[in-house]
Amino acid sequence: MIDVHNASFTDYYKVIIRELLLKSKPKHPVLKYLQSYLTDIESLLTDSFSGLYNNDISNIKKYIYQSWTLWAFLKYQEEKVLYKYNKNPIPFYSKLPDDWDMITLNYTSFAEKRPGNGKTHYFHGNLNNFIKMDNQQKCTIDTEKTIIGFIQDTVVDNTNFEKGIEPSFILPYIIAPLKVKPLISSEFIDIWHDSKNTLEDASRVIITGYSFNYADGHLNDLISRCYYKDKEFMIVDPVAKNLCTADPSAKKFLDSMKKIFSFELESSTENTFQGKWVCHEKKGGLKIVGAKAADIDWSEV
């Protein structure tokens, strides 16, 4: 999906862009930049999502196309992982203790496939459901259908923009990665409420694979409020081992730690945890581990 409606090119420059897109090798730096700039899914979704509020049929159609394309891509990636591991345990998820509750921003089904009776809260939805927008009904996606089969049958059959009648369509049961989170179903209010209770009831909170992005301010706020209730927190992130360097990603991570946890590197002590670099807050319950989540022995945490 390429949005060039605001771009202005001379004819000669158009030829250059076309040749770059057609002939450049996949890892060509210029091509990589063009792809990231022209296929920014967040910008595309943001531009078109407004149609759901102002009844702009053109933008509604764009959003339907874009959101189901995003769903199809994520579903395809999920199926690749499930096929790769077949009946073998999926890394990280399969190693978690059976009774741990989880709040996940991942849309895939990996969290709910983990063993045990721990609850899973899909904070931004999942790939296995869709919403009928005319009545806000949540429906289950038929797992027997292929991705293309589901889109050709269910999505197309439930989409109607005939003149003279109210438009009807369905959307994936996911909150798209936008800075302003669109509430496509009231069920998400219950999910966020349950997630808040899960954080407050926990004796310890462990955070992995989460970037504390500004766009996820609603969850960042829940985490911050919970932290100031004297709970023990552990954050596992491989970039953390570079906190004492000039690594830009480490600086961004440290800025998030300051904003959410009032963490100061100068007021912490260094140590090791399972052979990994770890940083302890001297006057608080925050521990930052510089490692990949899959490399931690969670049974020993």
C-alpha atoms as a PDB file:
ATOM      1  CA  MET A   1       0.000   0.000   0.000  1.00  0.00           C
ATOM      2  CA  ILE A   2       1.574   3.257  -1.132  1.00  0.00           C
ATOM      3  CA  ASP A   3       0.002   6.628  -0.408  1.00  0.00           C
ATOM      4  CA  VAL A   4       1.402   9.294  -2.736  1.00  0.00           C
ATOM      5  CA  HIS A   5      -1.549  11.704  -2.891  1.00  0.00           C
ATOM      6  CA  ASN A   6       0.482  14.403  -1.099  1.00  0.00           C
ATOM      7  CA  ALA A   7       3.704  13.740  -2.996  1.00  0.00           C
ATOM      8  CA  SER A   8       4.827  15.999  -5.808  1.00  0.00           C
ATOM      9  CA  PHE A   9       7.387  14.624  -8.278  1.00  0.00           C
ATOM     10  CA  THR A  10       8.776  15.872 -11.557  1.00  0.00           C
ATOM     11  CA  ASP A  11       8.406  13.414 -14.415  1.00  0.00           C
ATOM     12  CA  TYR A  12      12.117  12.676 -14.322  1.00  0.00           C
ATOM     13  CA  TYR A  13      12.031  12.027 -10.572  1.00  0.00           C
ATOM     14  CA  LYS A  14       9.052   9.717 -11.020  1.00  0.00           C
ATOM     15  CA  VAL A  15      11.158   7.612 -13.382  1.00  0.00           C
ATOM     16  CA  ILE A  16      13.961   7.431 -10.793  1.00  0.00           C
ATOM     17  CA  ILE A  17      11.563   6.377  -8.027  1.00  0.00           C
ATOM     18  CA  ARG A  18       9.986   3.757 -10.280  1.00  0.00           C
ATOM     19  CA  GLU A  19      13.365   2.293 -11.227  1.00  0.00           C
ATOM     20  CA  LEU A  20      14.464   2.193  -7.576  1.00  0.00           C
ATOM     21  CA  LEU A  21      11.326   0.323  -6.558  1.00  0.00           C
ATOM     22  CA  LEU A  22      11.591  -2.143  -9.434  1.00  0.00           C
ATOM     23  CA  LYS A  23      15.315  -2.860  -9.611  1.00  0.00           C
ATOM     24  CA  SER A  24      16.904  -2.219  -6.216  1.00  0.00           C
ATOM     25  CA  LYS A  25      18.004  -5.146  -4.115  1.00  0.00           C
ATOM     26  CA  PRO A  26      15.793  -5.759  -1.036  1.00  0.00           C
ATOM     27  CA  LYS A  27      18.425  -4.414   1.396  1.00  0.00           C
ATOM     28  CA  HIS A  28      19.318  -1.315  -0.621  1.00  0.00           C
ATOM     29  CA  PRO A  29      19.393   1.590   1.906  1.00  0.00           C
ATOM     30  CA  VAL A  30      17.547   4.033  -0.360  1.00  0.00           C
ATOM     31  CA  LEU A  31      14.862   1.477  -1.163  1.00  0.00           C
ATOM     32  CA  LYS A  32      14.529   0.657   2.521  1.00  0.00           C
ATOM     33  CA  TYR A  33      13.941   4.319   3.338  1.00  0.00           C
ATOM     34  CA  LEU A  34      11.402   4.712   0.530  1.00  0.00           C
ATOM     35  CA  GLN A  35       9.499   1.647   1.692  1.00  0.00           C
ATOM     36  CA  SER A  36       9.369   2.810   5.299  1.00  0.00           C
ATOM     37  CA  TYR A  37       8.271   6.308   4.250  1.00  0.00           C
ATOM     38  CA  LEU A  38       5.693   5.320   1.652  1.00  0.00           C
ATOM     39  CA  THR A  39       4.240   2.296   3.436  1.00  0.00           C
ATOM     40  CA  ASP A  40       3.791   3.706   6.937  1.00  0.00           C
ATOM     41  CA  ILE A  41       0.831   1.592   8.057  1.00  0.00           C
ATOM     42  CA  GLU A  42       0.196   3.793  11.102  1.00  0.00           C
ATOM     43  CA  SER A  43      -0.115   6.956   8.998  1.00  0.00           C
ATOM     44  CA  LEU A  44      -2.330   5.185   6.470  1.00  0.00           C
ATOM     45  CA  LEU A  45      -4.653   3.869   9.182  1.00  0.00           C
ATOM     46  CA  THR A  46      -4.742   7.236  10.981  1.00  0.00           C
ATOM     47  CA  ASP A  47      -5.702   9.079   7.798  1.00  0.00           C
ATOM     48  CA  SER A  48      -8.534   6.693   6.945  1.00  0.00           C
ATOM     49  CA  PHE A  49      -9.896   5.832  10.413  1.00  0.00           C
ATOM     50  CA  SER A  50     -11.615   9.210  10.727  1.00  0.00           C
ATOM     51  CA  GLY A  51     -14.122   7.950   8.167  1.00  0.00           C
ATOM     52  CA  LEU A  52     -15.701   5.738  10.845  1.00  0.00           C
ATOM     53  CA  TYR A  53     -16.596   8.861  12.828  1.00  0.00           C
ATOM     54  CA  ASN A  54     -17.643  11.289  10.112  1.00  0.00           C
ATOM     55  CA  ASN A  55     -19.224   8.649   7.846  1.00  0.00           C
ATOM     56  CA  ASP A  56     -16.808   9.367   4.994  1.00  0.00           C
ATOM     57  CA  ILE A  57     -17.485   6.335   2.791  1.00  0.00           C
ATOM     58  CA  SER A  58     -14.234   6.713   0.870  1.00  0.00           C
ATOM     59  CA  ASN A  59     -12.134   6.605   4.040  1.00  0.00           C
ATOM     60  CA  ILE A  60     -14.242   3.809   5.534  1.00  0.00           C
ATOM     61  CA  LYS A  61     -13.492   1.664   2.497  1.00  0.00           C
ATOM     62  CA  LYS A  62      -9.782   2.490   2.774  1.00  0.00           C
ATOM     63  CA  TYR A  63      -9.743   1.586   6.456  1.00  0.00           C
ATOM     64  CA  ILE A  64     -11.504  -1.727   5.804  1.00  0.00           C
ATOM     65  CA  TYR A  65      -8.924  -2.587   3.154  1.00  0.00           C
ATOM     66  CA  GLN A  66      -5.954  -1.476   5.249  1.00  0.00           C
ATOM     67  CA  SER A  67      -7.046  -3.092   8.526  1.00  0.00           C
ATOM     68  CA  TRP A  68      -7.825  -6.456   6.904  1.00  0.00           C
ATOM     69  CA  THR A  69      -4.517  -6.302   5.017  1.00  0.00           C
ATOM     70  CA  LEU A  70      -2.762  -5.746   8.352  1.00  0.00           C
ATOM     71  CA  TRP A  71      -4.736  -8.640   9.876  1.00  0.00           C
ATOM     72  CA  ALA A  72      -3.858 -10.937   6.955  1.00  0.00           C
ATOM     73  CA  PHE A  73      -0.143 -10.119   7.255  1.00  0.00           C
ATOM     74  CA  LEU A  74      -0.123 -10.761  11.022  1.00  0.00           C
ATOM     75  CA  LYS A  75      -2.181 -13.946  10.641  1.00  0.00           C
ATOM     76  CA  TYR A  76       0.220 -15.209   7.982  1.00  0.00           C
ATOM     77  CA  GLN A  77       3.189 -14.538  10.270  1.00  0.00           C
ATOM     78  CA  GLU A  78       1.415 -16.324  13.129  1.00  0.00           C
ATOM     79  CA  GLU A  79       0.727 -19.366  10.976  1.00  0.00           C
ATOM     80  CA  LYS A  80       4.380 -19.486   9.891  1.00  0.00           C
ATOM     81  CA  VAL A  81       5.489 -19.686  13.528  1.00  0.00           C
ATOM     82  CA  LEU A  82       2.876 -22.322  14.406  1.00  0.00           C
ATOM     83  CA  TYR A  83       3.909 -24.375  11.369  1.00  0.00           C
ATOM     84  CA  LYS A  84       7.589 -24.042  12.285  1.00  0.00           C
ATOM     85  CA  TYR A  85       7.107 -25.382  15.796  1.00  0.00           C
ATOM     86  CA  ASN A  86       4.195 -27.674  14.923  1.00  0.00           C
ATOM     87  CA  LYS A  87       3.580 -29.581  18.161  1.00  0.00           C
ATOM     88  CA  ASN A  88       6.774 -28.342  19.807  1.00  0.00           C
ATOM     89  CA  PRO A  89       6.640 -25.674  22.540  1.00  0.00           C
ATOM     90  CA  ILE A  90       6.790 -22.071  21.347  1.00  0.00           C
ATOM     91  CA  PRO A  91       9.825 -20.302  22.876  1.00  0.00           C
ATOM     92  CA  PHE A  92       9.237 -17.981  25.812  1.00  0.00           C
ATOM     93  CA  TYR A  93       5.487 -18.637  26.139  1.00  0.00           C
ATOM     94  CA  SER A  94       5.958 -22.333  26.882  1.00  0.00           C
ATOM     95  CA  LYS A  95       8.531 -21.578  29.595  1.00  0.00           C
ATOM     96  CA  LEU A  96       6.295 -19.386  31.741  1.00  0.00           C
ATOM     97  CA  PRO A  97       5.012 -20.788  35.044  1.00  0.00           C
ATOM     98  CA  ASP A  98       1.541 -22.301  34.687  1.00  0.00           C
ATOM     99  CA  ASP A  99      -0.268 -19.925  37.034  1.00  0.00           C
ATOM    100  CA  TRP A 100       1.076 -16.585  35.781  1.00  0.00           C
ATOM    101  CA  ASP A 101      -1.471 -14.104  34.463  1.00  0.00           C
ATOM    102  CA  MET A 102      -0.464 -12.187  31.333  1.00  0.00           C
ATOM    103  CA  ILE A 103      -1.372  -8.856  29.765  1.00  0.00           C
ATOM    104  CA  THR A 104      -0.277  -8.864  26.143  1.00  0.00           C
ATOM    105  CA  LEU A 105      -0.272  -6.322  23.331  1.00  0.00           C
ATOM    106  CA  ASN A 106       0.577  -9.108  20.885  1.00  0.00           C
ATOM    107  CA  TYR A 107      -2.388  -9.986  18.655  1.00  0.00           C
ATOM    108  CA  THR A 108      -1.282 -13.597  18.068  1.00  0.00           C
ATOM    109  CA  SER A 109      -2.658 -16.682  19.797  1.00  0.00           C
ATOM    110  CA  PHE A 110       0.702 -17.704  21.311  1.00  0.00           C
ATOM    111  CA  ALA A 111      -0.163 -16.444  24.797  1.00  0.00           C
ATOM    112  CA  GLU A 112      -3.405 -18.391  25.071  1.00  0.00           C
ATOM    113  CA  LYS A 113      -1.726 -21.580  23.803  1.00  0.00           C
ATOM    114  CA  ARG A 114       0.684 -21.651  26.748  1.00  0.00           C
ATOM    115  CA  PRO A 115       0.093 -24.421  29.309  1.00  0.00           C
ATOM    116  CA  GLY A 116      -1.528 -23.883  32.680  1.00  0.00           C
ATOM    117  CA  ASN A 117      -4.442 -21.918  34.053  1.00  0.00           C
ATOM    118  CA  GLY A 118      -2.949 -18.430  33.978  1.00  0.00           C
ATOM    119  CA  LYS A 119      -5.310 -15.836  32.508  1.00  0.00           C
ATOM    120  CA  THR A 120      -4.457 -13.899  29.344  1.00  0.00           C
ATOM    121  CA  HIS A 121      -5.761 -10.375  28.735  1.00  0.00           C
ATOM    122  CA  TYR A 122      -5.470  -9.290  25.084  1.00  0.00           C
ATOM    123  CA  PHE A 123      -5.099  -5.575  25.758  1.00  0.00           C
ATOM    124  CA  HIS A 124      -5.416  -4.568  22.081  1.00  0.00           C
ATOM    125  CA  GLY A 125      -7.442  -7.511  20.788  1.00  0.00           C
ATOM    126  CA  ASN A 126      -6.528 -10.648  18.872  1.00  0.00           C
ATOM    127  CA  LEU A 127      -6.493 -12.209  15.405  1.00  0.00           C
ATOM    128  CA  ASN A 128      -9.166 -14.806  16.118  1.00  0.00           C
ATOM    129  CA  ASN A 129     -12.204 -12.526  16.267  1.00  0.00           C
ATOM    130  CA  PHE A 130     -13.930  -9.793  14.292  1.00  0.00           C
ATOM    131  CA  ILE A 131     -16.521  -7.116  15.010  1.00  0.00           C
ATOM    132  CA  LYS A 132     -19.777  -6.569  13.090  1.00  0.00           C
ATOM    133  CA  MET A 133     -19.857  -2.799  13.113  1.00  0.00           C
ATOM    134  CA  ASP A 134     -23.607  -2.431  12.658  1.00  0.00           C
ATOM    135  CA  ASN A 135     -24.400  -4.019  16.040  1.00  0.00           C
ATOM    136  CA  GLN A 136     -20.932  -4.193  17.724  1.00  0.00           C
ATOM    137  CA  GLN A 137     -21.221  -7.978  17.887  1.00  0.00           C
ATOM    138  CA  LYS A 138     -18.001  -9.913  18.491  1.00  0.00           C
ATOM    139  CA  CYS A 139     -17.687 -13.029  16.320  1.00  0.00           C
ATOM    140  CA  THR A 140     -15.184 -15.871  16.103  1.00  0.00           C
ATOM    141  CA  ILE A 141     -13.163 -16.393  12.925  1.00  0.00           C
ATOM    142  CA  ASP A 142     -13.511 -19.870  11.429  1.00  0.00           C
ATOM    143  CA  THR A 143     -10.081 -21.449  11.896  1.00  0.00           C
ATOM    144  CA  GLU A 144     -10.846 -23.998   9.173  1.00  0.00           C
ATOM    145  CA  LYS A 145     -10.788 -21.287   6.522  1.00  0.00           C
ATOM    146  CA  THR A 146      -7.613 -20.051   4.895  1.00  0.00           C
ATOM    147  CA  ILE A 147      -6.738 -16.374   5.172  1.00  0.00           C
ATOM    148  CA  ILE A 148      -7.803 -15.745   1.568  1.00  0.00           C
ATOM    149  CA  GLY A 149     -10.898 -17.914   1.997  1.00  0.00           C
ATOM    150  CA  PHE A 150     -12.018 -15.988   5.062  1.00  0.00           C
ATOM    151  CA  ILE A 151     -11.578 -12.621   3.317  1.00  0.00           C
ATOM    152  CA  GLN A 152     -13.304 -13.792   0.127  1.00  0.00           C
ATOM    153  CA  ASP A 153     -16.231 -15.309   1.993  1.00  0.00           C
ATOM    154  CA  THR A 154     -16.835 -13.720   5.391  1.00  0.00           C
ATOM    155  CA  VAL A 155     -15.356 -10.239   4.862  1.00  0.00           C
ATOM    156  CA  VAL A 156     -16.836  -9.743   1.399  1.00  0.00           C
ATOM    157  CA  ASP A 157     -20.223 -11.257   2.340  1.00  0.00           C
ATOM    158  CA  ASN A 158     -20.534  -8.905   5.313  1.00  0.00           C
ATOM    159  CA  THR A 159     -19.570  -5.755   3.415  1.00  0.00           C
ATOM    160  CA  ASN A 160     -22.314  -3.708   1.757  1.00  0.00           C
ATOM    161  CA  PHE A 161     -22.155  -0.111   0.514  1.00  0.00           C
ATOM    162  CA  GLU A 162     -25.248  -0.022  -1.676  1.00  0.00           C
ATOM    163  CA  LYS A 163     -26.751   3.428  -2.117  1.00  0.00           C
ATOM    164  CA  GLY A 164     -29.823   4.221  -0.072  1.00  0.00           C
ATOM    165  CA  ILE A 165     -29.051   1.881   2.827  1.00  0.00           C
ATOM    166  CA  GLU A 166     -26.844   2.120   5.884  1.00  0.00           C
ATOM    167  CA  PRO A 167     -23.341   0.741   5.148  1.00  0.00           C
ATOM    168  CA  SER A 168     -22.547  -2.572   6.814  1.00  0.00           C
ATOM    169  CA  PHE A 169     -19.108  -4.099   7.268  1.00  0.00           C
ATOM    170  CA  ILE A 170     -16.885  -6.000   9.674  1.00  0.00           C
ATOM    171  CA  LEU A 171     -13.458  -5.140  11.117  1.00  0.00           C
ATOM    172  CA  PRO A 172     -10.705  -7.189  12.746  1.00  0.00           C
ATOM    173  CA  TYR A 173     -10.974  -7.417  16.533  1.00  0.00           C
ATOM    174  CA  ILE A 174      -7.783  -5.445  16.988  1.00  0.00           C
ATOM    175  CA  ILE A 175      -7.036  -1.915  18.064  1.00  0.00           C
ATOM    176  CA  ALA A 176      -4.774  -0.738  15.283  1.00  0.00           C
ATOM    177  CA  PRO A 177      -1.342   0.734  16.138  1.00  0.00           C
ATOM    178  CA  LEU A 178      -2.466   4.364  16.264  1.00  0.00           C
ATOM    179  CA  LYS A 179      -1.449   7.152  18.640  1.00  0.00           C
ATOM    180  CA  VAL A 180      -5.121   7.701  19.462  1.00  0.00           C
ATOM    181  CA  LYS A 181      -6.638   4.312  20.295  1.00  0.00           C
ATOM    182  CA  PRO A 182      -9.980   3.818  18.520  1.00  0.00           C
ATOM    183  CA  LEU A 183     -12.526   1.963  20.638  1.00  0.00           C
ATOM    184  CA  ILE A 184     -14.182  -0.339  18.102  1.00  0.00           C
ATOM    185  CA  SER A 185     -15.947  -2.408  20.768  1.00  0.00           C
ATOM    186  CA  SER A 186     -17.107  -1.757  24.333  1.00  0.00           C
ATOM    187  CA  GLU A 187     -15.549  -5.107  25.288  1.00  0.00           C
ATOM    188  CA  PHE A 188     -12.177  -3.372  25.412  1.00  0.00           C
ATOM    189  CA  ILE A 189     -13.395  -1.333  28.395  1.00  0.00           C
ATOM    190  CA  ASP A 190     -13.842  -4.626  30.279  1.00  0.00           C
ATOM    191  CA  ILE A 191     -10.442  -5.904  29.085  1.00  0.00           C
ATOM    192  CA  TRP A 192      -8.681  -2.758  30.302  1.00  0.00           C
ATOM    193  CA  HIS A 193     -10.553  -2.887  33.612  1.00  0.00           C
ATOM    194  CA  ASP A 194      -9.561  -6.542  34.140  1.00  0.00           C
ATOM    195  CA  SER A 195      -5.963  -5.708  33.189  1.00  0.00           C
ATOM    196  CA  LYS A 196      -5.920  -2.918  35.768  1.00  0.00           C
ATOM    197  CA  ASN A 197      -7.160  -5.348  38.447  1.00  0.00           C
ATOM    198  CA  THR A 198      -4.556  -7.919  37.389  1.00  0.00           C
ATOM    199  CA  LEU A 199      -1.768  -5.367  37.864  1.00  0.00           C
ATOM    200  CA  GLU A 200      -3.110  -4.225  41.220  1.00  0.00           C
ATOM    201  CA  ASP A 201      -3.569  -7.778  42.533  1.00  0.00           C
ATOM    202  CA  ALA A 202      -0.114  -8.963  41.432  1.00  0.00           C
ATOM    203  CA  SER A 203       2.632  -9.458  43.999  1.00  0.00           C
ATOM    204  CA  ARG A 204       5.225  -8.910  41.271  1.00  0.00           C
ATOM    205  CA  VAL A 205       5.051  -7.414  37.773  1.00  0.00           C
ATOM    206  CA  ILE A 206       7.418  -8.569  35.016  1.00  0.00           C
ATOM    207  CA  ILE A 207       7.586  -6.649  31.728  1.00  0.00           C
ATOM    208  CA  THR A 208       9.110  -8.099  28.558  1.00  0.00           C
ATOM    209  CA  GLY A 209       8.911  -7.165  24.881  1.00  0.00           C
ATOM    210  CA  TYR A 210       7.318  -3.803  25.651  1.00  0.00           C
ATOM    211  CA  SER A 211       8.809  -0.506  24.466  1.00  0.00           C
ATOM    212  CA  PHE A 212       6.759   1.880  26.661  1.00  0.00           C
ATOM    213  CA  ASN A 213       5.788   3.693  23.479  1.00  0.00           C
ATOM    214  CA  TYR A 214       4.169   7.109  23.823  1.00  0.00           C
ATOM    215  CA  ALA A 215       1.211   5.781  21.815  1.00  0.00           C
ATOM    216  CA  ASP A 216       0.523   3.263  24.610  1.00  0.00           C
ATOM    217  CA  GLY A 217       0.130   5.951  27.236  1.00  0.00           C
ATOM    218  CA  HIS A 218      -3.060   4.358  28.608  1.00  0.00           C
ATOM    219  CA  LEU A 219      -1.118   1.205  29.607  1.00  0.00           C
ATOM    220  CA  ASN A 220       1.955   3.171  30.677  1.00  0.00           C
ATOM    221  CA  ASP A 221      -0.245   5.059  33.111  1.00  0.00           C
ATOM    222  CA  LEU A 222      -1.632   1.821  34.617  1.00  0.00           C
ATOM    223  CA  ILE A 223       1.923   0.501  35.025  1.00  0.00           C
ATOM    224  CA  SER A 224       3.169   3.712  36.620  1.00  0.00           C
ATOM    225  CA  ARG A 225       0.265   3.911  39.078  1.00  0.00           C
ATOM    226  CA  CYS A 226       0.796   0.288  40.021  1.00  0.00           C
ATOM    227  CA  TYR A 227       4.533   0.817  40.562  1.00  0.00           C
ATOM    228  CA  TYR A 228       3.957   3.596  43.085  1.00  0.00           C
ATOM    229  CA  LYS A 229       1.937   1.174  45.204  1.00  0.00           C
ATOM    230  CA  ASP A 230       5.224  -0.421  46.334  1.00  0.00           C
ATOM    231  CA  LYS A 231       5.124  -3.433  44.048  1.00  0.00           C
ATOM    232  CA  GLU A 232       8.177  -5.315  42.848  1.00  0.00           C
ATOM    233  CA  PHE A 233       8.892  -4.732  39.144  1.00  0.00           C
ATOM    234  CA  MET A 234      11.269  -6.524  36.799  1.00  0.00           C
ATOM    235  CA  ILE A 235      11.872  -5.243  33.260  1.00  0.00           C
ATOM    236  CA  VAL A 236      13.641  -7.544  30.796  1.00  0.00           C
ATOM    237  CA  ASP A 237      14.968  -5.898  27.641  1.00  0.00           C
ATOM    238  CA  PRO A 238      18.170  -6.658  25.679  1.00  0.00           C
ATOM    239  CA  VAL A 239      18.789  -2.954  25.037  1.00  0.00           C
ATOM    240  CA  ALA A 240      19.153  -2.370  28.786  1.00  0.00           C
ATOM    241  CA  LYS A 241      22.675  -3.815  28.821  1.00  0.00           C
ATOM    242  CA  ASN A 242      23.730  -0.739  26.803  1.00  0.00           C
ATOM    243  CA  LEU A 243      22.370   1.808  29.294  1.00  0.00           C
ATOM    244  CA  CYS A 244      25.860   2.989  30.178  1.00  0.00           C
ATOM    245  CA  THR A 245      26.757   3.632  26.528  1.00  0.00           C
ATOM    246  CA  ALA A 246      25.765   6.227  23.923  1.00  0.00           C
ATOM    247  CA  ASP A 247      23.441   3.780  22.162  1.00  0.00           C
ATOM    248  CA  PRO A 248      20.416   5.859  20.929  1.00  0.00           C
ATOM    249  CA  SER A 249      17.959   3.017  21.598  1.00  0.00           C
ATOM    250  CA  ALA A 250      19.313   2.662  25.134  1.00  0.00           C
ATOM    251  CA  LYS A 251      18.868   6.400  25.687  1.00  0.00           C
ATOM    252  CA  LYS A 252      15.256   6.161  24.533  1.00  0.00           C
ATOM    253  CA  PHE A 253      14.705   3.223  26.890  1.00  0.00           C
ATOM    254  CA  LEU A 254      16.271   5.170  29.780  1.00  0.00           C
ATOM    255  CA  ASP A 255      14.050   8.175  29.047  1.00  0.00           C
ATOM    256  CA  SER A 256      11.004   5.894  29.375  1.00  0.00           C
ATOM    257  CA  MET A 257      12.313   4.532  32.691  1.00  0.00           C
ATOM    258  CA  LYS A 258      12.698   8.082  34.019  1.00  0.00           C
ATOM    259  CA  LYS A 259       9.248   9.135  32.885  1.00  0.00           C
ATOM    260  CA  ILE A 260       7.311   6.105  34.141  1.00  0.00           C
ATOM    261  CA  PHE A 261       9.352   4.918  37.132  1.00  0.00           C
ATOM    262  CA  SER A 262      11.356   8.076  38.040  1.00  0.00           C
ATOM    263  CA  PHE A 263      14.412   5.864  37.554  1.00  0.00           C
ATOM    264  CA  GLU A 264      17.873   7.427  37.663  1.00  0.00           C
ATOM    265  CA  LEU A 265      20.831   5.374  36.493  1.00  0.00           C
ATOM    266  CA  GLU A 266      23.121   7.272  38.880  1.00  0.00           C
ATOM    267  CA  SER A 267      21.039   6.097  41.855  1.00  0.00           C
ATOM    268  CA  SER A 268      21.210   2.394  40.984  1.00  0.00           C
ATOM    269  CA  THR A 269      23.596  -0.504  41.530  1.00  0.00           C
ATOM    270  CA  GLU A 270      24.836  -3.005  38.947  1.00  0.00           C
ATOM    271  CA  ASN A 271      24.855  -6.739  39.446  1.00  0.00           C
ATOM    272  CA  THR A 272      24.144  -9.984  37.579  1.00  0.00           C
ATOM    273  CA  PHE A 273      21.015 -12.116  37.342  1.00  0.00           C
ATOM    274  CA  GLN A 274      21.247 -15.603  35.800  1.00  0.00           C
ATOM    275  CA  GLY A 275      24.517 -14.457  34.271  1.00  0.00           C
ATOM    276  CA  LYS A 276      22.868 -11.368  32.713  1.00  0.00           C
ATOM    277  CA  TRP A 277      23.597  -7.703  33.446  1.00  0.00           C
ATOM    278  CA  VAL A 278      21.106  -6.292  35.906  1.00  0.00           C
ATOM    279  CA  CYS A 279      20.533  -2.880  37.398  1.00  0.00           C
ATOM    280  CA  HIS A 280      18.819  -2.437  40.801  1.00  0.00           C
ATOM    281  CA  GLU A 281      17.113   0.666  42.023  1.00  0.00           C
ATOM    282  CA  LYS A 282      18.571   1.442  45.443  1.00  0.00           C
ATOM    283  CA  LYS A 283      15.399   2.822  47.006  1.00  0.00           C
ATOM    284  CA  GLY A 284      12.628   0.904  45.283  1.00  0.00           C
ATOM    285  CA  GLY A 285      11.468  -2.362  43.826  1.00  0.00           C
ATOM    286  CA  LEU A 286      12.678  -1.901  40.252  1.00  0.00           C
ATOM    287  CA  LYS A 287      15.062  -4.363  38.609  1.00  0.00           C
ATOM    288  CA  ILE A 288      16.164  -3.960  34.975  1.00  0.00           C
ATOM    289  CA  VAL A 289      17.673  -7.006  33.247  1.00  0.00           C
ATOM    290  CA  GLY A 290      19.640  -6.646  30.022  1.00  0.00           C
ATOM    291  CA  ALA A 291      18.615  -9.856  28.240  1.00  0.00           C
ATOM    292  CA  LYS A 292      16.170 -11.420  25.808  1.00  0.00           C
ATOM    293  CA  ALA A 293      13.029 -12.802  27.435  1.00  0.00           C
ATOM    294  CA  ALA A 294      13.609 -16.242  25.852  1.00  0.00           C
ATOM    295  CA  ASP A 295      17.024 -16.451  27.580  1.00  0.00           C
ATOM    296  CA  ILE A 296      15.610 -16.179  31.104  1.00  0.00           C
ATOM    297  CA  ASP A 297      14.805 -19.253  33.194  1.00  0.00           C
ATOM    298  CA  TRP A 298      11.384 -18.119  34.350  1.00  0.00           C
ATOM    299  CA  SER A 299      10.943 -21.026  36.745  1.00  0.00           C
ATOM    300  CA  GLU A 300      13.732 -19.469  38.820  1.00  0.00           C
ATOM    301  CA  VAL A 301      12.270 -15.953  38.894  1.00  0.00           C
END
